[in-house]
Amino acid sequence: MPEQITKYPDVTLRVLKGAGAACGDGAPQKILKQCPADRFCSLPTGEICVYGVAEIPAMTQIDTREIAAVVSPRFTLDRIELLSLSGLGVVFLLIGLILGFVAGKYSRKRVP
């Protein structure tokens, strides 16, 4: 059963009610059990959960990363590249620190 995103969830719920859906009135939730009761609609053919834009993080069928990839694919790619490069920088920093530590210990032992 679908989860729906809309800029105007209250209007969407009124339209669904006008079409005969049982919305927000305690109808049994057979499939969309995590849908907030006030956003849930039951129809003879299935169930709908209506979310507003601000409620996207609460959705269970669509992940915010999936939406970000569609809305701003370049930003998502840049962010992934940046995280990869910063992780690589940390690895090189740690290797440098370890080598410096080992070299420092080795040089102290050789000096009389």
Protein backbone atom coordinates (compact mmCIF):
# COMPACT_ATOMS: atom_id res chain seq x y z
CA MET A 1 0.00 0.00 0.00
CA PRO A 2 1.34 3.43 -0.83
CA GLU A 3 2.69 6.24 1.22
CA GLN A 4 2.02 9.60 -0.42
CA ILE A 5 3.98 12.85 -0.12
CA THR A 6 2.17 16.10 -0.69
CA LYS A 7 2.71 19.75 0.07
CA TYR A 8 -0.90 19.93 1.30
CA PRO A 9 -1.70 16.76 3.29
CA ASP A 10 -4.88 18.16 4.84
CA VAL A 11 -6.32 19.01 1.41
CA THR A 12 -5.36 15.55 0.12
CA LEU A 13 -7.10 13.92 3.09
CA ARG A 14 -10.27 16.00 2.43
CA VAL A 15 -10.24 14.96 -1.23
CA LEU A 16 -9.86 11.29 -0.27
CA LYS A 17 -12.68 11.60 2.27
CA GLY A 18 -14.85 13.23 -0.39
CA ALA A 19 -14.19 10.23 -2.63
CA GLY A 20 -15.42 7.85 0.06
CA ALA A 21 -12.22 6.97 1.91
CA ALA A 22 -12.30 6.51 5.68
CA CYS A 23 -9.55 8.89 6.81
CA GLY A 24 -8.37 9.62 10.34
CA ASP A 25 -11.40 8.04 11.97
CA GLY A 26 -9.87 4.94 13.52
CA ALA A 27 -10.26 2.64 10.52
CA PRO A 28 -8.29 -0.60 11.06
CA GLN A 29 -4.76 -0.42 9.68
CA LYS A 30 -4.09 -3.81 8.14
CA ILE A 31 -0.90 -3.03 6.20
CA LEU A 32 0.23 0.53 6.98
CA LYS A 33 0.41 -0.08 10.72
CA GLN A 34 3.05 2.58 11.36
CA CYS A 35 1.07 5.33 9.64
CA PRO A 36 -0.11 8.03 12.05
CA ALA A 37 -3.87 7.53 12.56
CA ASP A 38 -4.68 11.09 11.49
CA ARG A 39 -2.83 10.54 8.17
CA PHE A 40 -4.29 7.11 7.42
CA CYS A 41 -7.01 6.43 4.85
CA SER A 42 -8.77 3.16 4.16
CA LEU A 43 -10.50 2.46 0.87
CA PRO A 44 -12.21 -0.69 -0.43
CA THR A 45 -9.22 -1.21 -2.72
CA GLY A 46 -6.44 -0.57 -0.20
CA GLU A 47 -4.80 1.83 2.22
CA ILE A 48 -3.02 5.17 1.83
CA CYS A 49 -0.83 7.08 4.25
CA VAL A 50 -0.56 10.79 3.45
CA TYR A 51 2.59 12.63 4.55
CA GLY A 52 3.45 16.30 4.30
CA VAL A 53 6.88 17.39 3.15
CA ALA A 54 8.04 18.00 6.73
CA GLU A 55 7.01 14.44 7.65
CA ILE A 56 9.22 12.70 5.07
CA PRO A 57 11.68 11.41 7.72
CA ALA A 58 8.82 9.48 9.37
CA MET A 59 8.01 7.54 6.18
CA THR A 60 8.78 3.83 6.15
CA GLN A 61 8.67 3.00 2.44
CA ILE A 62 10.85 5.82 1.12
CA ASP A 63 14.21 6.74 2.62
CA THR A 64 15.34 10.39 2.77
CA ARG A 65 18.48 9.37 0.84
CA GLU A 66 16.31 8.15 -2.03
CA ILE A 67 14.53 11.49 -2.16
CA ALA A 68 17.82 13.42 -1.93
CA ALA A 69 19.24 11.42 -4.84
CA VAL A 70 16.31 12.47 -7.02
CA VAL A 71 16.01 16.07 -5.83
CA SER A 72 19.72 16.88 -5.82
CA PRO A 73 21.77 14.07 -7.40
CA ARG A 74 24.95 16.15 -7.73
CA PHE A 75 24.88 17.21 -4.07
CA THR A 76 24.51 13.60 -2.98
CA LEU A 77 27.41 12.54 -5.21
CA ASP A 78 29.62 15.42 -3.99
CA ARG A 79 28.87 14.54 -0.39
CA ILE A 80 29.79 10.90 -0.94
CA GLU A 81 33.02 11.93 -2.69
CA LEU A 82 33.85 14.35 0.12
CA LEU A 83 33.29 11.67 2.77
CA SER A 84 35.51 9.27 0.82
CA LEU A 85 38.30 11.83 0.50
CA SER A 86 38.12 12.86 4.14
CA GLY A 87 38.23 9.18 5.17
CA LEU A 88 41.28 8.68 2.98
CA GLY A 89 42.92 11.73 4.56
CA VAL A 90 42.36 10.28 8.03
CA VAL A 91 43.96 6.99 6.96
CA PHE A 92 47.05 8.78 5.64
CA LEU A 93 47.25 10.90 8.78
CA LEU A 94 47.15 7.79 10.97
CA ILE A 95 49.81 6.06 8.84
CA GLY A 96 52.01 9.16 9.11
CA LEU A 97 51.59 9.31 12.88
CA ILE A 98 52.45 5.63 13.28
CA LEU A 99 55.51 5.93 11.02
CA GLY A 100 56.62 9.04 12.90
CA PHE A 101 56.23 7.31 16.22
CA VAL A 102 58.19 4.25 15.04
CA ALA A 103 60.92 6.41 13.48
CA GLY A 104 61.19 8.45 16.68
CA LYS A 105 61.58 5.36 18.83
CA TYR A 106 64.13 3.85 16.44
CA SER A 107 66.23 7.04 16.28
CA ARG A 108 66.36 7.34 20.09
CA LYS A 109 67.72 3.82 20.45
CA ARG A 110 70.58 4.43 17.99
CA VAL A 111 71.88 7.63 19.60
CA PRO A 112 74.41 6.84 22.42
